[in-house]
C-alpha atoms as a PDB file:
ATOM      1  CA  MET A   1      71.911 116.465 -70.731  1.00  0.00           C
ATOM      2  CA  LEU A   2      68.687 115.173 -72.649  1.00  0.00           C
ATOM      3  CA  TRP A   3      67.763 118.613 -73.827  1.00  0.00           C
ATOM      4  CA  ASP A   4      69.804 120.133 -71.623  1.00  0.00           C
ATOM      5  CA  ALA A   5      67.467 119.839 -68.639  1.00  0.00           C
ATOM      6  CA  VAL A   6      68.172 121.520 -65.410  1.00  0.00           C
ATOM      7  CA  ASN A   7      67.053 120.408 -62.070  1.00  0.00           C
ATOM      8  CA  SER A   8      67.268 123.262 -59.428  1.00  0.00           C
ATOM      9  CA  SER A   9      65.669 125.957 -57.140  1.00  0.00           C
ATOM     10  CA  VAL A  10      65.731 129.393 -56.110  1.00  0.00           C
ATOM     11  CA  LYS A  11      66.447 131.518 -52.695  1.00  0.00           C
ATOM     12  CA  LEU A  12      63.626 133.139 -51.542  1.00  0.00           C
ATOM     13  CA  GLY A  13      64.187 134.570 -48.019  1.00  0.00           C
ATOM     14  CA  GLY A  14      63.993 131.352 -45.914  1.00  0.00           C
ATOM     15  CA  ALA A  15      62.447 129.029 -48.395  1.00  0.00           C
ATOM     16  CA  GLU A  16      63.394 127.983 -52.248  1.00  0.00           C
ATOM     17  CA  MET A  17      60.974 127.687 -54.781  1.00  0.00           C
ATOM     18  CA  PRO A  18      61.419 124.720 -57.084  1.00  0.00           C
ATOM     19  CA  TYR A  19      62.310 124.930 -60.727  1.00  0.00           C
ATOM     20  CA  VAL A  20      63.502 123.022 -64.178  1.00  0.00           C
ATOM     21  CA  SER A  21      64.290 124.259 -67.132  1.00  0.00           C
ATOM     22  CA  PHE A  22      65.212 123.043 -70.575  1.00  0.00           C
ATOM     23  CA  GLY A  23      65.983 123.960 -74.167  1.00  0.00           C
ATOM     24  CA  THR A  24      68.767 125.972 -75.260  1.00  0.00           C
ATOM     25  CA  GLY A  25      66.507 128.837 -77.375  1.00  0.00           C
ATOM     26  CA  GLU A  26      66.619 132.709 -77.224  1.00  0.00           C
ATOM     27  CA  LYS A  27      62.593 132.782 -75.900  1.00  0.00           C
ATOM     28  CA  LYS A  28      62.094 132.546 -72.439  1.00  0.00           C
ATOM     29  CA  LEU A  29      59.011 130.791 -71.960  1.00  0.00           C
ATOM     30  CA  ILE A  30      57.302 130.155 -67.807  1.00  0.00           C
ATOM     31  CA  ILE A  31      55.235 127.481 -67.189  1.00  0.00           C
ATOM     32  CA  LEU A  32      53.644 128.416 -63.925  1.00  0.00           C
ATOM     33  CA  PRO A  33      51.640 124.753 -63.118  1.00  0.00           C
ATOM     34  CA  GLY A  34      48.100 124.056 -61.433  1.00  0.00           C
ATOM     35  CA  LEU A  35      46.812 122.723 -57.637  1.00  0.00           C
ATOM     36  CA  SER A  36      48.408 119.260 -58.274  1.00  0.00           C
ATOM     37  CA  ASP A  37      51.766 120.972 -56.833  1.00  0.00           C
ATOM     38  CA  GLY A  38      50.158 121.268 -53.893  1.00  0.00           C
ATOM     39  CA  LEU A  39      50.694 117.817 -53.537  1.00  0.00           C
ATOM     40  CA  ALA A  40      54.042 117.714 -55.280  1.00  0.00           C
ATOM     41  CA  THR A  41      56.560 119.873 -57.059  1.00  0.00           C
ATOM     42  CA  VAL A  42      58.613 119.563 -59.906  1.00  0.00           C
ATOM     43  CA  ARG A  43      61.629 118.609 -58.194  1.00  0.00           C
ATOM     44  CA  GLY A  44      63.984 116.283 -59.991  1.00  0.00           C
ATOM     45  CA  LYS A  45      61.434 115.693 -62.774  1.00  0.00           C
ATOM     46  CA  ALA A  46      63.377 118.279 -65.471  1.00  0.00           C
ATOM     47  CA  VAL A  47      63.788 115.269 -68.352  1.00  0.00           C
ATOM     48  CA  LEU A  48      59.992 114.284 -67.801  1.00  0.00           C
ATOM     49  CA  LEU A  49      58.895 117.259 -67.770  1.00  0.00           C
ATOM     50  CA  ALA A  50      60.661 118.754 -70.963  1.00  0.00           C
ATOM     51  CA  ALA A  51      59.500 115.476 -72.962  1.00  0.00           C
ATOM     52  CA  PRO A  52      56.290 117.026 -74.472  1.00  0.00           C
ATOM     53  CA  TYR A  53      58.360 120.374 -75.131  1.00  0.00           C
ATOM     54  CA  ARG A  54      61.073 119.069 -77.144  1.00  0.00           C
ATOM     55  CA  LYS A  55      60.001 119.930 -80.836  1.00  0.00           C
ATOM     56  CA  TYR A  56      59.977 123.418 -79.534  1.00  0.00           C
ATOM     57  CA  LEU A  57      63.327 123.554 -77.576  1.00  0.00           C
ATOM     58  CA  ASP A  58      65.586 124.939 -80.107  1.00  0.00           C
ATOM     59  CA  ARG A  59      63.598 128.245 -79.879  1.00  0.00           C
ATOM     60  CA  TYR A  60      62.746 128.581 -75.822  1.00  0.00           C
ATOM     61  CA  THR A  61      64.414 127.857 -72.556  1.00  0.00           C
ATOM     62  CA  ILE A  62      61.166 126.815 -70.534  1.00  0.00           C
ATOM     63  CA  TYR A  63      61.487 126.916 -67.313  1.00  0.00           C
ATOM     64  CA  MET A  64      58.571 125.421 -65.006  1.00  0.00           C
ATOM     65  CA  PHE A  65      58.451 126.510 -61.512  1.00  0.00           C
ATOM     66  CA  SER A  66      56.565 124.942 -57.666  1.00  0.00           C
ATOM     67  CA  ARG A  67      55.573 127.359 -55.475  1.00  0.00           C
ATOM     68  CA  THR A  68      57.835 128.223 -52.221  1.00  0.00           C
ATOM     69  CA  ASP A  69      58.961 125.398 -50.429  1.00  0.00           C
ATOM     70  CA  PRO A  70      57.374 125.187 -47.684  1.00  0.00           C
ATOM     71  CA  ILE A  71      55.487 127.225 -48.004  1.00  0.00           C
ATOM     72  CA  PRO A  72      54.142 129.746 -45.716  1.00  0.00           C
ATOM     73  CA  ASP A  73      50.714 129.482 -44.448  1.00  0.00           C
ATOM     74  CA  ARG A  74      47.990 131.875 -45.643  1.00  0.00           C
ATOM     75  CA  CYS A  75      49.727 132.245 -48.816  1.00  0.00           C
ATOM     76  CA  SER A  76      47.392 134.174 -51.402  1.00  0.00           C
ATOM     77  CA  ILE A  77      47.685 133.707 -55.391  1.00  0.00           C
ATOM     78  CA  ARG A  78      49.072 137.332 -55.344  1.00  0.00           C
ATOM     79  CA  ASN A  79      51.705 136.304 -52.544  1.00  0.00           C
ATOM     80  CA  MET A  80      52.699 133.450 -55.094  1.00  0.00           C
ATOM     81  CA  ALA A  81      52.933 136.002 -57.352  1.00  0.00           C
ATOM     82  CA  ALA A  82      55.263 138.076 -55.769  1.00  0.00           C
ATOM     83  CA  ASP A  83      57.610 135.347 -54.982  1.00  0.00           C
ATOM     84  CA  GLN A  84      56.867 133.798 -58.781  1.00  0.00           C
ATOM     85  CA  ALA A  85      58.648 138.211 -59.547  1.00  0.00           C
ATOM     86  CA  ALA A  86      61.006 137.697 -57.062  1.00  0.00           C
ATOM     87  CA  ALA A  87      62.376 134.727 -58.646  1.00  0.00           C
ATOM     88  CA  LEU A  88      62.168 135.535 -61.856  1.00  0.00           C
ATOM     89  CA  LEU A  89      64.808 138.580 -61.512  1.00  0.00           C
ATOM     90  CA  GLU A  90      66.820 136.566 -59.390  1.00  0.00           C
ATOM     91  CA  LEU A  91      67.881 134.695 -62.560  1.00  0.00           C
ATOM     92  CA  GLY A  92      67.927 137.542 -64.604  1.00  0.00           C
ATOM     93  CA  ILE A  93      64.865 136.892 -66.261  1.00  0.00           C
ATOM     94  CA  GLU A  94      63.202 140.867 -66.900  1.00  0.00           C
ATOM     95  CA  SER A  95      60.768 139.965 -69.434  1.00  0.00           C
ATOM     96  CA  ALA A  96      59.297 136.300 -70.890  1.00  0.00           C
ATOM     97  CA  CYS A  97      56.362 134.623 -72.370  1.00  0.00           C
ATOM     98  CA  VAL A  98      54.301 133.119 -69.400  1.00  0.00           C
ATOM     99  CA  LEU A  99      51.585 129.607 -69.613  1.00  0.00           C
ATOM    100  CA  GLY A 100      49.951 129.647 -66.271  1.00  0.00           C
ATOM    101  CA  VAL A 101      47.401 126.811 -66.182  1.00  0.00           C
ATOM    102  CA  SER A 102      44.077 126.775 -63.600  1.00  0.00           C
ATOM    103  CA  GLU A 103      45.486 127.989 -60.411  1.00  0.00           C
ATOM    104  CA  GLY A 104      49.110 129.155 -62.274  1.00  0.00           C
ATOM    105  CA  GLY A 105      46.495 131.280 -64.651  1.00  0.00           C
ATOM    106  CA  MET A 106      45.410 133.019 -61.487  1.00  0.00           C
ATOM    107  CA  ILE A 107      49.379 133.371 -60.509  1.00  0.00           C
ATOM    108  CA  ALA A 108      50.309 134.758 -64.140  1.00  0.00           C
ATOM    109  CA  GLN A 109      46.994 137.142 -63.659  1.00  0.00           C
ATOM    110  CA  TYR A 110      48.671 139.123 -60.554  1.00  0.00           C
ATOM    111  CA  LEU A 111      52.228 138.681 -62.517  1.00  0.00           C
ATOM    112  CA  ALA A 112      51.140 140.543 -65.405  1.00  0.00           C
ATOM    113  CA  ILE A 113      49.186 143.211 -63.412  1.00  0.00           C
ATOM    114  CA  ASP A 114      51.883 144.092 -60.257  1.00  0.00           C
ATOM    115  CA  ARG A 115      54.766 143.554 -62.685  1.00  0.00           C
ATOM    116  CA  PRO A 116      53.654 144.044 -66.602  1.00  0.00           C
ATOM    117  CA  GLU A 117      57.891 144.747 -67.393  1.00  0.00           C
ATOM    118  CA  LEU A 118      58.023 140.700 -66.831  1.00  0.00           C
ATOM    119  CA  VAL A 119      55.527 139.818 -68.645  1.00  0.00           C
ATOM    120  CA  GLY A 120      55.747 140.083 -72.835  1.00  0.00           C
ATOM    121  CA  LYS A 121      53.170 137.465 -73.503  1.00  0.00           C
ATOM    122  CA  LEU A 122      50.337 135.693 -71.625  1.00  0.00           C
ATOM    123  CA  VAL A 123      48.332 132.127 -71.851  1.00  0.00           C
ATOM    124  CA  ILE A 124      45.839 132.126 -69.197  1.00  0.00           C
ATOM    125  CA  ALA A 125      44.158 128.220 -70.035  1.00  0.00           C
ATOM    126  CA  VAL A 126      41.463 126.618 -67.874  1.00  0.00           C
ATOM    127  CA  SER A 127      41.865 129.320 -65.007  1.00  0.00           C
ATOM    128  CA  ALA A 128      39.078 131.809 -63.899  1.00  0.00           C
ATOM    129  CA  PRO A 129      39.020 135.168 -62.765  1.00  0.00           C
ATOM    130  CA  CYS A 130      38.076 134.652 -59.227  1.00  0.00           C
ATOM    131  CA  VAL A 131      36.595 131.661 -57.727  1.00  0.00           C
ATOM    132  CA  ASN A 132      33.079 130.644 -58.347  1.00  0.00           C
ATOM    133  CA  GLU A 133      30.466 128.385 -56.952  1.00  0.00           C
ATOM    134  CA  LEU A 134      31.368 125.849 -59.667  1.00  0.00           C
ATOM    135  CA  MET A 135      34.608 125.573 -58.470  1.00  0.00           C
ATOM    136  CA  ARG A 136      34.696 126.224 -54.397  1.00  0.00           C
ATOM    137  CA  ARG A 137      31.990 122.760 -54.839  1.00  0.00           C
ATOM    138  CA  CYS A 138      35.046 121.045 -56.112  1.00  0.00           C
ATOM    139  CA  LEU A 139      37.385 123.086 -54.040  1.00  0.00           C
ATOM    140  CA  GLU A 140      35.674 121.941 -50.424  1.00  0.00           C
ATOM    141  CA  THR A 141      35.296 118.092 -51.786  1.00  0.00           C
ATOM    142  CA  TRP A 142      38.759 117.999 -52.140  1.00  0.00           C
ATOM    143  CA  LYS A 143      39.524 119.732 -48.715  1.00  0.00           C
ATOM    144  CA  ASN A 144      37.341 117.671 -47.173  1.00  0.00           C
ATOM    145  CA  ALA A 145      39.571 114.723 -48.606  1.00  0.00           C
ATOM    146  CA  ALA A 146      42.863 115.627 -47.636  1.00  0.00           C
ATOM    147  CA  GLU A 147      41.165 116.591 -44.555  1.00  0.00           C
ATOM    148  CA  ARG A 148      40.770 112.974 -44.057  1.00  0.00           C
ATOM    149  CA  GLY A 149      44.213 111.715 -45.872  1.00  0.00           C
ATOM    150  CA  ASP A 150      41.955 110.009 -48.356  1.00  0.00           C
ATOM    151  CA  HIS A 151      44.361 110.349 -51.235  1.00  0.00           C
ATOM    152  CA  LYS A 152      42.586 107.562 -53.569  1.00  0.00           C
ATOM    153  CA  SER A 153      38.893 109.255 -53.780  1.00  0.00           C
ATOM    154  CA  LEU A 154      40.520 112.864 -53.975  1.00  0.00           C
ATOM    155  CA  MET A 155      42.540 111.966 -57.118  1.00  0.00           C
ATOM    156  CA  ILE A 156      39.418 109.999 -58.642  1.00  0.00           C
ATOM    157  CA  ASP A 157      37.250 113.216 -57.688  1.00  0.00           C
ATOM    158  CA  THR A 158      39.581 115.141 -59.686  1.00  0.00           C
ATOM    159  CA  ALA A 159      40.195 112.554 -62.532  1.00  0.00           C
ATOM    160  CA  GLU A 160      35.850 112.454 -63.242  1.00  0.00           C
ATOM    161  CA  LYS A 161      35.849 116.108 -63.082  1.00  0.00           C
ATOM    162  CA  SER A 162      38.527 117.165 -65.341  1.00  0.00           C
ATOM    163  CA  TYR A 163      38.862 114.427 -68.088  1.00  0.00           C
ATOM    164  CA  SER A 164      36.630 113.935 -71.560  1.00  0.00           C
ATOM    165  CA  GLU A 165      34.694 110.497 -71.253  1.00  0.00           C
ATOM    166  CA  ALA A 166      36.291 109.025 -74.044  1.00  0.00           C
ATOM    167  CA  TYR A 167      39.649 109.680 -71.635  1.00  0.00           C
ATOM    168  CA  LEU A 168      38.025 108.436 -69.032  1.00  0.00           C
ATOM    169  CA  LYS A 169      36.948 104.584 -70.160  1.00  0.00           C
ATOM    170  CA  LYS A 170      40.688 104.391 -70.362  1.00  0.00           C
ATOM    171  CA  TYR A 171      41.696 106.295 -67.081  1.00  0.00           C
ATOM    172  CA  ARG A 172      39.728 104.281 -64.790  1.00  0.00           C
ATOM    173  CA  LYS A 173      41.357 100.850 -65.592  1.00  0.00           C
ATOM    174  CA  ILE A 174      43.705 102.017 -63.052  1.00  0.00           C
ATOM    175  CA  TYR A 175      41.751 103.305 -60.085  1.00  0.00           C
ATOM    176  CA  PRO A 176      42.214 100.487 -58.177  1.00  0.00           C
ATOM    177  CA  LEU A 177      46.020 101.343 -58.678  1.00  0.00           C
ATOM    178  CA  ILE A 178      45.366 105.312 -57.377  1.00  0.00           C
ATOM    179  CA  GLY A 179      46.210 105.883 -54.142  1.00  0.00           C
ATOM    180  CA  ALA A 180      48.550 103.228 -52.919  1.00  0.00           C
ATOM    181  CA  VAL A 181      51.537 105.427 -54.871  1.00  0.00           C
ATOM    182  CA  GLY A 182      52.040 109.780 -55.243  1.00  0.00           C
ATOM    183  CA  LYS A 183      50.201 109.955 -51.393  1.00  0.00           C
ATOM    184  CA  PRO A 184      52.020 113.317 -50.188  1.00  0.00           C
ATOM    185  CA  SER A 185      53.661 112.772 -46.470  1.00  0.00           C
ATOM    186  CA  ASP A 186      51.397 115.221 -45.592  1.00  0.00           C
ATOM    187  CA  TYR A 187      48.320 117.711 -46.862  1.00  0.00           C
ATOM    188  CA  ARG A 188      49.605 121.021 -45.615  1.00  0.00           C
ATOM    189  CA  ARG A 189      51.041 123.048 -49.117  1.00  0.00           C
ATOM    190  CA  PHE A 190      48.664 121.165 -50.937  1.00  0.00           C
ATOM    191  CA  LEU A 191      45.790 122.764 -48.429  1.00  0.00           C
ATOM    192  CA  VAL A 192      47.305 126.024 -48.396  1.00  0.00           C
ATOM    193  CA  ASN A 193      46.801 126.382 -52.381  1.00  0.00           C
ATOM    194  CA  VAL A 194      43.654 125.604 -51.466  1.00  0.00           C
ATOM    195  CA  GLU A 195      42.631 128.174 -49.276  1.00  0.00           C
ATOM    196  CA  ALA A 196      44.700 130.541 -51.601  1.00  0.00           C
ATOM    197  CA  ILE A 197      42.200 129.730 -54.715  1.00  0.00           C
ATOM    198  CA  LEU A 198      39.151 129.837 -52.430  1.00  0.00           C
ATOM    199  CA  ASP A 199      40.579 133.677 -51.839  1.00  0.00           C
ATOM    200  CA  PHE A 200      41.575 134.696 -54.861  1.00  0.00           C
ATOM    201  CA  ASP A 201      39.510 137.475 -56.797  1.00  0.00           C
ATOM    202  CA  ALA A 202      41.298 139.682 -59.763  1.00  0.00           C
ATOM    203  CA  SER A 203      38.252 140.843 -61.555  1.00  0.00           C
ATOM    204  CA  ASP A 204      38.418 144.014 -60.498  1.00  0.00           C
ATOM    205  CA  GLU A 205      41.731 144.340 -61.787  1.00  0.00           C
ATOM    206  CA  LEU A 206      41.947 142.716 -64.612  1.00  0.00           C
ATOM    207  CA  GLY A 207      41.752 145.666 -66.926  1.00  0.00           C
ATOM    208  CA  ALA A 208      45.155 146.351 -66.239  1.00  0.00           C
ATOM    209  CA  ILE A 209      46.728 143.569 -68.082  1.00  0.00           C
ATOM    210  CA  SER A 210      47.980 144.992 -71.690  1.00  0.00           C
ATOM    211  CA  CYS A 211      50.062 142.225 -73.230  1.00  0.00           C
ATOM    212  CA  PRO A 212      49.004 140.267 -75.712  1.00  0.00           C
ATOM    213  CA  THR A 213      46.600 137.386 -74.391  1.00  0.00           C
ATOM    214  CA  LEU A 214      45.641 134.181 -74.806  1.00  0.00           C
ATOM    215  CA  ILE A 215      42.785 132.211 -73.033  1.00  0.00           C
ATOM    216  CA  ILE A 216      42.182 128.596 -73.521  1.00  0.00           C
ATOM    217  CA  ALA A 217      38.892 126.901 -71.956  1.00  0.00           C
ATOM    218  CA  GLY A 218      37.590 123.635 -72.212  1.00  0.00           C
ATOM    219  CA  GLU A 219      33.763 123.753 -73.318  1.00  0.00           C
ATOM    220  CA  ASN A 220      33.004 121.115 -70.776  1.00  0.00           C
ATOM    221  CA  ASP A 221      35.177 122.359 -68.019  1.00  0.00           C
ATOM    222  CA  ARG A 222      33.231 121.175 -64.162  1.00  0.00           C
ATOM    223  CA  ILE A 223      36.325 122.664 -62.944  1.00  0.00           C
ATOM    224  CA  VAL A 224      36.444 126.096 -63.598  1.00  0.00           C
ATOM    225  CA  GLY A 225      33.520 126.392 -65.866  1.00  0.00           C
ATOM    226  CA  ALA A 226      33.907 127.385 -69.229  1.00  0.00           C
ATOM    227  CA  ASP A 227      32.067 130.997 -68.765  1.00  0.00           C
ATOM    228  CA  ALA A 228      34.897 131.451 -66.206  1.00  0.00           C
ATOM    229  CA  SER A 229      37.648 131.837 -69.385  1.00  0.00           C
ATOM    230  CA  ALA A 230      34.844 133.725 -70.742  1.00  0.00           C
ATOM    231  CA  LYS A 231      34.738 136.263 -68.096  1.00  0.00           C
ATOM    232  CA  LEU A 232      38.774 136.916 -68.059  1.00  0.00           C
ATOM    233  CA  HIS A 233      37.924 137.558 -72.361  1.00  0.00           C
ATOM    234  CA  GLU A 234      35.439 140.355 -71.899  1.00  0.00           C
ATOM    235  CA  LYS A 235      38.097 142.259 -69.105  1.00  0.00           C
ATOM    236  CA  ILE A 236      40.879 141.404 -70.282  1.00  0.00           C
ATOM    237  CA  ALA A 237      41.125 144.163 -73.638  1.00  0.00           C
ATOM    238  CA  GLY A 238      41.984 142.328 -76.978  1.00  0.00           C
ATOM    239  CA  SER A 239      42.299 138.751 -75.368  1.00  0.00           C
ATOM    240  CA  GLU A 240      41.653 136.194 -77.471  1.00  0.00           C
ATOM    241  CA  LEU A 241      39.931 132.826 -76.660  1.00  0.00           C
ATOM    242  CA  HIS A 242      39.569 129.531 -78.266  1.00  0.00           C
ATOM    243  CA  ILE A 243      37.194 127.142 -76.251  1.00  0.00           C
ATOM    244  CA  TYR A 244      38.014 123.040 -77.186  1.00  0.00           C
ATOM    245  CA  LEU A 245      34.697 121.732 -77.568  1.00  0.00           C
ATOM    246  CA  GLY A 246      33.810 118.760 -76.054  1.00  0.00           C
ATOM    247  CA  LEU A 247      36.797 118.432 -74.069  1.00  0.00           C
ATOM    248  CA  GLY A 248      37.143 119.480 -69.853  1.00  0.00           C
ATOM    249  CA  HIS A 249      39.273 121.279 -67.536  1.00  0.00           C
ATOM    250  CA  ALA A 250      42.785 118.840 -68.712  1.00  0.00           C
ATOM    251  CA  ALA A 251      42.078 120.767 -72.207  1.00  0.00           C
ATOM    252  CA  TYR A 252      46.132 121.149 -71.560  1.00  0.00           C
ATOM    253  CA  GLU A 253      46.364 117.256 -71.909  1.00  0.00           C
ATOM    254  CA  GLU A 254      43.586 115.836 -73.906  1.00  0.00           C
ATOM    255  CA  ALA A 255      44.163 118.422 -77.030  1.00  0.00           C
ATOM    256  CA  ARG A 256      46.299 117.659 -79.493  1.00  0.00           C
ATOM    257  CA  ASP A 257      47.069 120.791 -81.171  1.00  0.00           C
ATOM    258  CA  TYR A 258      47.716 122.426 -77.394  1.00  0.00           C
ATOM    259  CA  ASN A 259      51.206 122.886 -77.551  1.00  0.00           C
ATOM    260  CA  ASP A 260      51.230 124.538 -81.420  1.00  0.00           C
ATOM    261  CA  ARG A 261      48.648 126.547 -80.135  1.00  0.00           C
ATOM    262  CA  VAL A 262      50.522 128.177 -76.917  1.00  0.00           C
ATOM    263  CA  PHE A 263      53.596 128.244 -78.953  1.00  0.00           C
ATOM    264  CA  GLY A 264      52.333 129.343 -81.936  1.00  0.00           C
ATOM    265  CA  PHE A 265      50.817 132.639 -80.477  1.00  0.00           C
ATOM    266  CA  PHE A 266      53.952 132.990 -78.693  1.00  0.00           C
ATOM    267  CA  GLY A 267      55.849 132.816 -81.495  1.00  0.00           C
ATOM    268  CA  ARG A 268      53.634 135.898 -83.543  1.00  0.00           C
END
């Protein structure tokens, strides 16, 4: 199969955790995606998701995980981290590099705090140590749109808050099509993830993270704010911080050197 791409899942009690994997390298990398996972899991997307990582796949085997499906009501970020730890052990992964993006970065924080033996190196991208007022306003707006079933408003507001103006000039051309495709059958999974973020606060425990850590931020992040990454850097001893000037929350998509920076850190 192309890039040895695999679509699979791990059984965890009465639920399962979908994941995709690709690559043949000896090093293991775990990727934990953001809130978009609440709208659509990684299920069946292995080849598509592998494409941006193709030049690293001789050195790494990469696993990208969704949250459990079905996800329980009132599932906290810490619960999600515990599920993630259980899935890794089920797959025989006893230590790996971990990359968490946005909400995935919050899960990664608790994974490194509660199960430090599983995390060899950590990258936290466009995330935060706790929910702040900027995040709360965004999440309440998205929650209201989801509860109304207004997929178009949800996706447009997310895009407007995530991307740079230069990117949006091109992206806005497809706004008339947004909402016609990709709408989930219901928003329960998304809303559970929103509530988990609204309750998240790992601030007082970040001193327990002892693995090498890189924090990546966007200067103009209009979802978590650049200050959130600065606070992570302050609280995680020995961590490194890189801020992409002129970019926002979607720096992980827009920055051309993002993957090289991440893999460069993991490869040291």
